[in-house]
PDB file of N, CA and C in Angstrom:
ATOM      1  N   MET A   1     -26.162 -20.538  36.943  1.00  0.00           N
ATOM      2  CA  MET A   1     -25.335 -20.760  35.781  1.00  0.00           C
ATOM      3  C   MET A   1     -25.389 -19.500  34.909  1.00  0.00           C
ATOM      4  N   PRO A   2     -24.211 -18.999  34.452  1.00  0.00           N
ATOM      5  CA  PRO A   2     -24.215 -17.772  33.654  1.00  0.00           C
ATOM      6  C   PRO A   2     -24.851 -18.017  32.288  1.00  0.00           C
ATOM      7  N   GLU A   3     -25.489 -16.994  31.804  1.00  0.00           N
ATOM      8  CA  GLU A   3     -26.176 -17.073  30.516  1.00  0.00           C
ATOM      9  C   GLU A   3     -25.155 -16.981  29.386  1.00  0.00           C
ATOM     10  N   GLN A   4     -25.265 -17.862  28.402  1.00  0.00           N
ATOM     11  CA  GLN A   4     -24.328 -17.868  27.286  1.00  0.00           C
ATOM     12  C   GLN A   4     -24.835 -16.945  26.190  1.00  0.00           C
ATOM     13  N   PRO A   5     -23.917 -16.212  25.524  1.00  0.00           N
ATOM     14  CA  PRO A   5     -24.348 -15.319  24.452  1.00  0.00           C
ATOM     15  C   PRO A   5     -24.842 -16.118  23.251  1.00  0.00           C
ATOM     16  N   GLU A   6     -25.753 -15.497  22.522  1.00  0.00           N
ATOM     17  CA  GLU A   6     -26.272 -16.140  21.319  1.00  0.00           C
ATOM     18  C   GLU A   6     -25.187 -16.155  20.248  1.00  0.00           C
ATOM     19  N   PRO A   7     -25.148 -17.215  19.443  1.00  0.00           N
ATOM     20  CA  PRO A   7     -24.145 -17.246  18.376  1.00  0.00           C
ATOM     21  C   PRO A   7     -24.442 -16.158  17.343  1.00  0.00           C
ATOM     22  N   ARG A   8     -23.374 -15.557  16.842  1.00  0.00           N
ATOM     23  CA  ARG A   8     -23.509 -14.510  15.833  1.00  0.00           C
ATOM     24  C   ARG A   8     -23.601 -15.124  14.446  1.00  0.00           C
ATOM     25  N   PRO A   9     -24.315 -14.479  13.543  1.00  0.00           N
ATOM     26  CA  PRO A   9     -24.361 -15.009  12.168  1.00  0.00           C
ATOM     27  C   PRO A   9     -22.989 -14.868  11.511  1.00  0.00           C
ATOM     28  N   HIS A  10     -22.750 -15.658  10.472  1.00  0.00           N
ATOM     29  CA  HIS A  10     -21.461 -15.655   9.781  1.00  0.00           C
ATOM     30  C   HIS A  10     -21.211 -14.351   9.057  1.00  0.00           C
ATOM     31  N   SER A  11     -22.234 -13.693   8.602  1.00  0.00           N
ATOM     32  CA  SER A  11     -22.083 -12.446   7.864  1.00  0.00           C
ATOM     33  C   SER A  11     -21.785 -11.312   8.831  1.00  0.00           C
ATOM     34  N   ALA A  12     -20.960 -10.351   8.388  1.00  0.00           N
ATOM     35  CA  ALA A  12     -20.614  -9.213   9.238  1.00  0.00           C
ATOM     36  C   ALA A  12     -21.827  -8.323   9.463  1.00  0.00           C
ATOM     37  N   ALA A  13     -22.661  -8.165   8.456  1.00  0.00           N
ATOM     38  CA  ALA A  13     -23.852  -7.334   8.567  1.00  0.00           C
ATOM     39  C   ALA A  13     -25.072  -8.210   8.311  1.00  0.00           C
ATOM     40  N   PRO A  14     -26.033  -8.271   9.255  1.00  0.00           N
ATOM     41  CA  PRO A  14     -27.179  -9.163   9.078  1.00  0.00           C
ATOM     42  C   PRO A  14     -28.075  -8.757   7.909  1.00  0.00           C
ATOM     43  N   ASP A  15     -28.074  -7.493   7.512  1.00  0.00           N
ATOM     44  CA  ASP A  15     -28.922  -7.030   6.409  1.00  0.00           C
ATOM     45  C   ASP A  15     -28.250  -7.177   5.054  1.00  0.00           C
ATOM     46  N   GLU A  16     -27.055  -7.740   5.020  1.00  0.00           N
ATOM     47  CA  GLU A  16     -26.282  -7.839   3.792  1.00  0.00           C
ATOM     48  C   GLU A  16     -26.893  -8.890   2.864  1.00  0.00           C
ATOM     49  N   SER A  17     -27.093  -8.523   1.602  1.00  0.00           N
ATOM     50  CA  SER A  17     -27.655  -9.468   0.636  1.00  0.00           C
ATOM     51  C   SER A  17     -26.561 -10.421   0.157  1.00  0.00           C
ATOM     52  N   PRO A  18     -26.945 -11.559  -0.420  1.00  0.00           N
ATOM     53  CA  PRO A  18     -25.942 -12.501  -0.924  1.00  0.00           C
ATOM     54  C   PRO A  18     -25.061 -11.887  -2.010  1.00  0.00           C
ATOM     55  N   GLN A  19     -25.625 -10.990  -2.840  1.00  0.00           N
ATOM     56  CA  GLN A  19     -24.832 -10.347  -3.890  1.00  0.00           C
ATOM     57  C   GLN A  19     -23.766  -9.442  -3.283  1.00  0.00           C
ATOM     58  N   GLU A  20     -24.122  -8.708  -2.222  1.00  0.00           N
ATOM     59  CA  GLU A  20     -23.150  -7.835  -1.572  1.00  0.00           C
ATOM     60  C   GLU A  20     -22.050  -8.658  -0.896  1.00  0.00           C
ATOM     61  N   ALA A  21     -22.433  -9.777  -0.299  1.00  0.00           N
ATOM     62  CA  ALA A  21     -21.449 -10.646   0.341  1.00  0.00           C
ATOM     63  C   ALA A  21     -20.498 -11.232  -0.701  1.00  0.00           C
ATOM     64  N   GLU A  22     -21.022 -11.605  -1.860  1.00  0.00           N
ATOM     65  CA  GLU A  22     -20.182 -12.146  -2.924  1.00  0.00           C
ATOM     66  C   GLU A  22     -19.236 -11.088  -3.460  1.00  0.00           C
ATOM     67  N   ARG A  23     -19.729  -9.855  -3.599  1.00  0.00           N
ATOM     68  CA  ARG A  23     -18.898  -8.756  -4.084  1.00  0.00           C
ATOM     69  C   ARG A  23     -17.768  -8.462  -3.080  1.00  0.00           C
ATOM     70  N   ALA A  24     -18.080  -8.491  -1.784  1.00  0.00           N
ATOM     71  CA  ALA A  24     -17.063  -8.262  -0.753  1.00  0.00           C
ATOM     72  C   ALA A  24     -16.019  -9.379  -0.773  1.00  0.00           C
ATOM     73  N   SER A  25     -16.465 -10.611  -0.975  1.00  0.00           N
ATOM     74  CA  SER A  25     -15.538 -11.737  -1.039  1.00  0.00           C
ATOM     75  C   SER A  25     -14.621 -11.614  -2.249  1.00  0.00           C
ATOM     76  N   ALA A  26     -15.173 -11.178  -3.368  1.00  0.00           N
ATOM     77  CA  ALA A  26     -14.375 -11.014  -4.583  1.00  0.00           C
ATOM     78  C   ALA A  26     -13.324  -9.936  -4.401  1.00  0.00           C
ATOM     79  N   SER A  27     -13.709  -8.816  -3.779  1.00  0.00           N
ATOM     80  CA  SER A  27     -12.728  -7.747  -3.589  1.00  0.00           C
ATOM     81  C   SER A  27     -11.654  -8.166  -2.589  1.00  0.00           C
ATOM     82  N   ALA A  28     -12.002  -8.953  -1.582  1.00  0.00           N
ATOM     83  CA  ALA A  28     -11.011  -9.436  -0.620  1.00  0.00           C
ATOM     84  C   ALA A  28     -10.036 -10.400  -1.291  1.00  0.00           C
ATOM     85  N   SER A  29     -10.526 -11.257  -2.169  1.00  0.00           N
ATOM     86  CA  SER A  29      -9.625 -12.199  -2.837  1.00  0.00           C
ATOM     87  C   SER A  29      -8.680 -11.468  -3.781  1.00  0.00           C
ATOM     88  N   ARG A  30      -9.152 -10.394  -4.418  1.00  0.00           N
ATOM     89  CA  ARG A  30      -8.268  -9.611  -5.286  1.00  0.00           C
ATOM     90  C   ARG A  30      -7.257  -8.818  -4.465  1.00  0.00           C
ATOM     91  N   LEU A  31      -7.662  -8.326  -3.305  1.00  0.00           N
ATOM     92  CA  LEU A  31      -6.783  -7.523  -2.469  1.00  0.00           C
ATOM     93  C   LEU A  31      -5.584  -8.325  -1.989  1.00  0.00           C
ATOM     94  N   PHE A  32      -5.792  -9.591  -1.652  1.00  0.00           N
ATOM     95  CA  PHE A  32      -4.724 -10.411  -1.108  1.00  0.00           C
ATOM     96  C   PHE A  32      -4.108 -11.343  -2.140  1.00  0.00           C
ATOM     97  N   ASP A  33      -4.225 -11.005  -3.407  1.00  0.00           N
ATOM     98  CA  ASP A  33      -3.601 -11.795  -4.464  1.00  0.00           C
ATOM     99  C   ASP A  33      -2.081 -11.680  -4.312  1.00  0.00           C
ATOM    100  N   ILE A  34      -1.391 -12.800  -4.355  1.00  0.00           N
ATOM    101  CA  ILE A  34       0.057 -12.814  -4.123  1.00  0.00           C
ATOM    102  C   ILE A  34       0.802 -12.031  -5.194  1.00  0.00           C
ATOM    103  N   ARG A  35       0.236 -11.937  -6.398  1.00  0.00           N
ATOM    104  CA  ARG A  35       0.904 -11.164  -7.450  1.00  0.00           C
ATOM    105  C   ARG A  35       0.985  -9.688  -7.086  1.00  0.00           C
ATOM    106  N   ARG A  36      -0.026  -9.184  -6.402  1.00  0.00           N
ATOM    107  CA  ARG A  36      -0.023  -7.783  -5.976  1.00  0.00           C
ATOM    108  C   ARG A  36       1.085  -7.540  -4.952  1.00  0.00           C
ATOM    109  N   VAL A  37       1.231  -8.455  -4.007  1.00  0.00           N
ATOM    110  CA  VAL A  37       2.244  -8.312  -2.959  1.00  0.00           C
ATOM    111  C   VAL A  37       3.645  -8.399  -3.556  1.00  0.00           C
ATOM    112  N   ILE A  38       3.880  -9.403  -4.391  1.00  0.00           N
ATOM    113  CA  ILE A  38       5.199  -9.576  -4.994  1.00  0.00           C
ATOM    114  C   ILE A  38       5.531  -8.407  -5.907  1.00  0.00           C
ATOM    115  N   GLY A  39       4.578  -7.990  -6.731  1.00  0.00           N
ATOM    116  CA  GLY A  39       4.810  -6.867  -7.626  1.00  0.00           C
ATOM    117  C   GLY A  39       5.106  -5.585  -6.876  1.00  0.00           C
ATOM    118  N   ALA A  40       4.365  -5.337  -5.809  1.00  0.00           N
ATOM    119  CA  ALA A  40       4.592  -4.117  -5.026  1.00  0.00           C
ATOM    120  C   ALA A  40       5.964  -4.133  -4.365  1.00  0.00           C
ATOM    121  N   LEU A  41       6.381  -5.281  -3.840  1.00  0.00           N
ATOM    122  CA  LEU A  41       7.699  -5.355  -3.213  1.00  0.00           C
ATOM    123  C   LEU A  41       8.820  -5.174  -4.233  1.00  0.00           C
ATOM    124  N   PHE A  42       8.687  -5.781  -5.394  1.00  0.00           N
ATOM    125  CA  PHE A  42       9.703  -5.594  -6.434  1.00  0.00           C
ATOM    126  C   PHE A  42       9.781  -4.133  -6.860  1.00  0.00           C
ATOM    127  N   VAL A  43       8.638  -3.484  -7.015  1.00  0.00           N
ATOM    128  CA  VAL A  43       8.645  -2.075  -7.397  1.00  0.00           C
ATOM    129  C   VAL A  43       9.285  -1.226  -6.299  1.00  0.00           C
ATOM    130  N   LEU A  44       8.929  -1.486  -5.052  1.00  0.00           N
ATOM    131  CA  LEU A  44       9.482  -0.715  -3.934  1.00  0.00           C
ATOM    132  C   LEU A  44      11.004  -0.862  -3.861  1.00  0.00           C
ATOM    133  N   TYR A  45      11.495  -2.094  -3.866  1.00  0.00           N
ATOM    134  CA  TYR A  45      12.938  -2.306  -3.802  1.00  0.00           C
ATOM    135  C   TYR A  45      13.628  -1.829  -5.076  1.00  0.00           C
ATOM    136  N   GLY A  46      12.945  -1.924  -6.200  1.00  0.00           N
ATOM    137  CA  GLY A  46      13.517  -1.415  -7.451  1.00  0.00           C
ATOM    138  C   GLY A  46      13.722   0.088  -7.416  1.00  0.00           C
ATOM    139  N   VAL A  47      12.758   0.800  -6.837  1.00  0.00           N
ATOM    140  CA  VAL A  47      12.904   2.257  -6.713  1.00  0.00           C
ATOM    141  C   VAL A  47      14.087   2.585  -5.803  1.00  0.00           C
ATOM    142  N   VAL A  48      14.199   1.874  -4.685  1.00  0.00           N
ATOM    143  CA  VAL A  48      15.305   2.127  -3.746  1.00  0.00           C
ATOM    144  C   VAL A  48      16.647   1.878  -4.434  1.00  0.00           C
ATOM    145  N   LEU A  49      16.791   0.771  -5.136  1.00  0.00           N
ATOM    146  CA  LEU A  49      18.058   0.454  -5.793  1.00  0.00           C
ATOM    147  C   LEU A  49      18.348   1.401  -6.960  1.00  0.00           C
ATOM    148  N   THR A  50      17.325   1.799  -7.683  1.00  0.00           N
ATOM    149  CA  THR A  50      17.534   2.730  -8.790  1.00  0.00           C
ATOM    150  C   THR A  50      18.050   4.069  -8.263  1.00  0.00           C
ATOM    151  N   VAL A  51      17.461   4.556  -7.208  1.00  0.00           N
ATOM    152  CA  VAL A  51      17.932   5.815  -6.612  1.00  0.00           C
ATOM    153  C   VAL A  51      19.350   5.645  -6.085  1.00  0.00           C
ATOM    154  N   ALA A  52      19.618   4.517  -5.431  1.00  0.00           N
ATOM    155  CA  ALA A  52      20.973   4.264  -4.942  1.00  0.00           C
ATOM    156  C   ALA A  52      21.965   4.184  -6.095  1.00  0.00           C
ATOM    157  N   GLY A  53      21.563   3.606  -7.212  1.00  0.00           N
ATOM    158  CA  GLY A  53      22.439   3.501  -8.373  1.00  0.00           C
ATOM    159  C   GLY A  53      22.708   4.841  -9.022  1.00  0.00           C
ATOM    160  N   ILE A  54      21.708   5.713  -9.018  1.00  0.00           N
ATOM    161  CA  ILE A  54      21.905   7.048  -9.583  1.00  0.00           C
ATOM    162  C   ILE A  54      22.862   7.850  -8.703  1.00  0.00           C
ATOM    163  N   LEU A  55      22.791   7.648  -7.395  1.00  0.00           N
ATOM    164  CA  LEU A  55      23.603   8.407  -6.451  1.00  0.00           C
ATOM    165  C   LEU A  55      24.934   7.732  -6.106  1.00  0.00           C
ATOM    166  N   ASP A  56      25.292   6.650  -6.792  1.00  0.00           N
ATOM    167  CA  ASP A  56      26.566   5.969  -6.522  1.00  0.00           C
ATOM    168  C   ASP A  56      27.746   6.912  -6.742  1.00  0.00           C
ATOM    169  N   SER A  57      28.723   6.796  -5.863  1.00  0.00           N
ATOM    170  CA  SER A  57      29.940   7.601  -6.011  1.00  0.00           C
ATOM    171  C   SER A  57      30.871   6.920  -7.011  1.00  0.00           C
ATOM    172  N   PRO A  58      31.818   7.661  -7.548  1.00  0.00           N
ATOM    173  CA  PRO A  58      32.785   7.040  -8.479  1.00  0.00           C
ATOM    174  C   PRO A  58      33.559   5.886  -7.838  1.00  0.00           C
ATOM    175  N   ALA A  59      33.815   5.955  -6.531  1.00  0.00           N
ATOM    176  CA  ALA A  59      34.532   4.865  -5.863  1.00  0.00           C
ATOM    177  C   ALA A  59      33.687   3.586  -5.858  1.00  0.00           C
ATOM    178  N   GLU A  60      32.375   3.719  -5.625  1.00  0.00           N
ATOM    179  CA  GLU A  60      31.501   2.543  -5.630  1.00  0.00           C
ATOM    180  C   GLU A  60      31.385   1.960  -7.034  1.00  0.00           C
ATOM    181  N   ILE A  61      31.360   2.818  -8.036  1.00  0.00           N
ATOM    182  CA  ILE A  61      31.294   2.336  -9.425  1.00  0.00           C
ATOM    183  C   ILE A  61      32.589   1.630  -9.790  1.00  0.00           C
ATOM    184  N   ALA A  62      33.715   2.167  -9.342  1.00  0.00           N
ATOM    185  CA  ALA A  62      35.006   1.535  -9.618  1.00  0.00           C
ATOM    186  C   ALA A  62      35.095   0.171  -8.936  1.00  0.00           C
ATOM    187  N   LYS A  63      34.515   0.040  -7.739  1.00  0.00           N
ATOM    188  CA  LYS A  63      34.511  -1.243  -7.024  1.00  0.00           C
ATOM    189  C   LYS A  63      33.762  -2.307  -7.812  1.00  0.00           C
ATOM    190  N   ALA A  64      32.759  -1.899  -8.581  1.00  0.00           N
ATOM    191  CA  ALA A  64      31.960  -2.835  -9.376  1.00  0.00           C
ATOM    192  C   ALA A  64      32.487  -2.923 -10.807  1.00  0.00           C
ATOM    193  N   GLN A  65      33.758  -2.595 -10.996  1.00  0.00           N
ATOM    194  CA  GLN A  65      34.441  -2.666 -12.292  1.00  0.00           C
ATOM    195  C   GLN A  65      33.747  -1.811 -13.350  1.00  0.00           C
ATOM    196  N   GLY A  66      33.286  -0.629 -12.933  1.00  0.00           N
ATOM    197  CA  GLY A  66      32.725   0.333 -13.871  1.00  0.00           C
ATOM    198  C   GLY A  66      31.262   0.123 -14.207  1.00  0.00           C
ATOM    199  N   ILE A  67      30.628  -0.829 -13.572  1.00  0.00           N
ATOM    200  CA  ILE A  67      29.213  -1.099 -13.853  1.00  0.00           C
ATOM    201  C   ILE A  67      28.377  -0.513 -12.727  1.00  0.00           C
ATOM    202  N   ARG A  68      27.341   0.209 -13.067  1.00  0.00           N
ATOM    203  CA  ARG A  68      26.414   0.735 -12.055  1.00  0.00           C
ATOM    204  C   ARG A  68      25.437  -0.388 -11.693  1.00  0.00           C
ATOM    205  N   ILE A  69      25.924  -1.312 -10.875  1.00  0.00           N
ATOM    206  CA  ILE A  69      25.169  -2.528 -10.572  1.00  0.00           C
ATOM    207  C   ILE A  69      23.854  -2.227  -9.860  1.00  0.00           C
ATOM    208  N   ASN A  70      23.842  -1.231  -8.953  1.00  0.00           N
ATOM    209  CA  ASN A  70      22.604  -0.884  -8.252  1.00  0.00           C
ATOM    210  C   ASN A  70      21.566  -0.330  -9.228  1.00  0.00           C
ATOM    211  N   LEU A  71      22.020   0.485 -10.158  1.00  0.00           N
ATOM    212  CA  LEU A  71      21.097   1.057 -11.137  1.00  0.00           C
ATOM    213  C   LEU A  71      20.488  -0.029 -12.013  1.00  0.00           C
ATOM    214  N   TRP A  72      21.317  -0.908 -12.541  1.00  0.00           N
ATOM    215  CA  TRP A  72      20.803  -1.950 -13.436  1.00  0.00           C
ATOM    216  C   TRP A  72      19.926  -2.956 -12.696  1.00  0.00           C
ATOM    217  N   THR A  73      20.318  -3.306 -11.479  1.00  0.00           N
ATOM    218  CA  THR A  73      19.493  -4.225 -10.692  1.00  0.00           C
ATOM    219  C   THR A  73      18.157  -3.585 -10.344  1.00  0.00           C
ATOM    220  N   GLY A  74      18.191  -2.303  -9.973  1.00  0.00           N
ATOM    221  CA  GLY A  74      16.961  -1.579  -9.667  1.00  0.00           C
ATOM    222  C   GLY A  74      16.028  -1.504 -10.864  1.00  0.00           C
ATOM    223  N   LEU A  75      16.580  -1.217 -12.029  1.00  0.00           N
ATOM    224  CA  LEU A  75      15.747  -1.164 -13.237  1.00  0.00           C
ATOM    225  C   LEU A  75      15.167  -2.543 -13.563  1.00  0.00           C
ATOM    226  N   GLY A  76      15.957  -3.587 -13.357  1.00  0.00           N
ATOM    227  CA  GLY A  76      15.452  -4.949 -13.570  1.00  0.00           C
ATOM    228  C   GLY A  76      14.327  -5.296 -12.606  1.00  0.00           C
ATOM    229  N   MET A  77      14.487  -4.893 -11.356  1.00  0.00           N
ATOM    230  CA  MET A  77      13.439  -5.165 -10.368  1.00  0.00           C
ATOM    231  C   MET A  77      12.178  -4.365 -10.679  1.00  0.00           C
ATOM    232  N   LEU A  78      12.328  -3.136 -11.155  1.00  0.00           N
ATOM    233  CA  LEU A  78      11.160  -2.351 -11.567  1.00  0.00           C
ATOM    234  C   LEU A  78      10.424  -3.051 -12.715  1.00  0.00           C
ATOM    235  N   ALA A  79      11.177  -3.607 -13.664  1.00  0.00           N
ATOM    236  CA  ALA A  79      10.554  -4.302 -14.795  1.00  0.00           C
ATOM    237  C   ALA A  79       9.802  -5.552 -14.325  1.00  0.00           C
ATOM    238  N   VAL A  80      10.414  -6.314 -13.420  1.00  0.00           N
ATOM    239  CA  VAL A  80       9.752  -7.528 -12.911  1.00  0.00           C
ATOM    240  C   VAL A  80       8.501  -7.159 -12.119  1.00  0.00           C
ATOM    241  N   GLY A  81       8.596  -6.137 -11.265  1.00  0.00           N
ATOM    242  CA  GLY A  81       7.431  -5.695 -10.493  1.00  0.00           C
ATOM    243  C   GLY A  81       6.314  -5.201 -11.389  1.00  0.00           C
ATOM    244  N   ALA A  82       6.676  -4.444 -12.425  1.00  0.00           N
ATOM    245  CA  ALA A  82       5.666  -3.969 -13.370  1.00  0.00           C
ATOM    246  C   ALA A  82       5.026  -5.139 -14.115  1.00  0.00           C
ATOM    247  N   ALA A  83       5.809  -6.168 -14.431  1.00  0.00           N
ATOM    248  CA  ALA A  83       5.265  -7.344 -15.110  1.00  0.00           C
ATOM    249  C   ALA A  83       4.251  -8.061 -14.211  1.00  0.00           C
ATOM    250  N   PHE A  84       4.553  -8.204 -12.932  1.00  0.00           N
ATOM    251  CA  PHE A  84       3.612  -8.838 -12.005  1.00  0.00           C
ATOM    252  C   PHE A  84       2.321  -8.031 -11.908  1.00  0.00           C
ATOM    253  N   LEU A  85       2.434  -6.718 -11.795  1.00  0.00           N
ATOM    254  CA  LEU A  85       1.241  -5.888 -11.669  1.00  0.00           C
ATOM    255  C   LEU A  85       0.436  -5.868 -12.971  1.00  0.00           C
ATOM    256  N   LEU A  86       1.128  -5.919 -14.117  1.00  0.00           N
ATOM    257  CA  LEU A  86       0.432  -6.001 -15.399  1.00  0.00           C
ATOM    258  C   LEU A  86      -0.286  -7.341 -15.528  1.00  0.00           C
ATOM    259  N   TRP A  87       0.350  -8.408 -15.107  1.00  0.00           N
ATOM    260  CA  TRP A  87      -0.261  -9.741 -15.126  1.00  0.00           C
ATOM    261  C   TRP A  87      -1.523  -9.750 -14.269  1.00  0.00           C
ATOM    262  N   LEU A  88      -1.452  -9.117 -13.099  1.00  0.00           N
ATOM    263  CA  LEU A  88      -2.619  -9.024 -12.229  1.00  0.00           C
ATOM    264  C   LEU A  88      -3.739  -8.252 -12.904  1.00  0.00           C
ATOM    265  N   ARG A  89      -3.390  -7.183 -13.595  1.00  0.00           N
ATOM    266  CA  ARG A  89      -4.389  -6.331 -14.255  1.00  0.00           C
ATOM    267  C   ARG A  89      -5.052  -7.049 -15.437  1.00  0.00           C
ATOM    268  N   LEU A  90      -4.253  -7.803 -16.201  1.00  0.00           N
ATOM    269  CA  LEU A  90      -4.775  -8.481 -17.392  1.00  0.00           C
ATOM    270  C   LEU A  90      -5.514  -9.773 -17.072  1.00  0.00           C
ATOM    271  N   SER A  91      -5.185 -10.390 -15.939  1.00  0.00           N
ATOM    272  CA  SER A  91      -5.807 -11.655 -15.560  1.00  0.00           C
ATOM    273  C   SER A  91      -6.240 -11.599 -14.098  1.00  0.00           C
ATOM    274  N   PRO A  92      -7.326 -10.867 -13.794  1.00  0.00           N
ATOM    275  CA  PRO A  92      -7.741 -10.723 -12.396  1.00  0.00           C
ATOM    276  C   PRO A  92      -8.236 -12.044 -11.807  1.00  0.00           C
ATOM    277  N   THR A  93      -8.146 -12.128 -10.500  1.00  0.00           N
ATOM    278  CA  THR A  93      -8.578 -13.311  -9.773  1.00  0.00           C
ATOM    279  C   THR A  93     -10.091 -13.290  -9.600  1.00  0.00           C
ATOM    280  N   GLU A  94     -10.715 -14.421  -9.794  1.00  0.00           N
ATOM    281  CA  GLU A  94     -12.147 -14.527  -9.545  1.00  0.00           C
ATOM    282  C   GLU A  94     -12.356 -15.093  -8.155  1.00  0.00           C
ATOM    283  N   ALA A  95     -13.405 -14.630  -7.494  1.00  0.00           N
ATOM    284  CA  ALA A  95     -13.706 -15.130  -6.158  1.00  0.00           C
ATOM    285  C   ALA A  95     -14.142 -16.583  -6.253  1.00  0.00           C
ATOM    286  N   PRO A  96     -13.774 -17.400  -5.280  1.00  0.00           N
ATOM    287  CA  PRO A  96     -14.213 -18.794  -5.306  1.00  0.00           C
ATOM    288  C   PRO A  96     -15.737 -18.875  -5.137  1.00  0.00           C
ATOM    289  N   ARG A  97     -16.338 -19.741  -5.900  1.00  0.00           N
ATOM    290  CA  ARG A  97     -17.791 -19.920  -5.845  1.00  0.00           C
ATOM    291  C   ARG A  97     -18.128 -20.966  -4.786  1.00  0.00           C
ATOM    292  N   PRO A  98     -19.179 -20.754  -4.024  1.00  0.00           N
ATOM    293  CA  PRO A  98     -19.571 -21.783  -3.049  1.00  0.00           C
ATOM    294  C   PRO A  98     -20.026 -23.040  -3.768  1.00  0.00           C
ATOM    295  N   GLN A  99     -19.714 -24.184  -3.158  1.00  0.00           N
ATOM    296  CA  GLN A  99     -20.094 -25.446  -3.775  1.00  0.00           C
ATOM    297  C   GLN A  99     -21.580 -25.677  -3.609  1.00  0.00           C
ATOM    298  N   ALA A 100     -22.161 -26.354  -4.562  1.00  0.00           N
ATOM    299  CA  ALA A 100     -23.585 -26.659  -4.513  1.00  0.00           C
ATOM    300  C   ALA A 100     -23.876 -27.565  -3.320  1.00  0.00           C
ATOM    301  N   GLY A 101     -24.977 -27.287  -2.622  1.00  0.00           N
ATOM    302  CA  GLY A 101     -25.354 -28.113  -1.494  1.00  0.00           C
ATOM    303  C   GLY A 101     -24.861 -27.607  -0.165  1.00  0.00           C
ATOM    304  N   THR A 102     -24.161 -26.461  -0.149  1.00  0.00           N
ATOM    305  CA  THR A 102     -23.722 -25.897   1.131  1.00  0.00           C
ATOM    306  C   THR A 102     -24.610 -24.717   1.481  1.00  0.00           C
ATOM    307  N   ASP A 103     -24.648 -24.361   2.747  1.00  0.00           N
ATOM    308  CA  ASP A 103     -25.509 -23.293   3.216  1.00  0.00           C
ATOM    309  C   ASP A 103     -24.885 -21.914   3.086  1.00  0.00           C
ATOM    310  N   SER A 104     -23.613 -21.783   2.657  1.00  0.00           N
ATOM    311  CA  SER A 104     -22.971 -20.478   2.621  1.00  0.00           C
ATOM    312  C   SER A 104     -23.273 -19.677   1.408  1.00  0.00           C
TER     313      SER A 104
END
């Protein structure tokens, strides 16, 4: 019968202290905060639309009845993205605390 491998501990590094594991968990929860993703996408698309709006030809502006719609939409998206990132900065996410009575 083939020998089965020993189970690995839950921690990535066996010498890692509980404080280091908690700090890593906190940074991971902040990294994947949905506000960061949404804010970054709004900023990215806002930059693209703002540049497109600045480079609009007179024919494209005339098609939109004289309004630089790409420019204004891009600036609006930049404002929304900046608001999401500011919200993230002012109210950071805290890592979830393990419940009492568990081994983790």
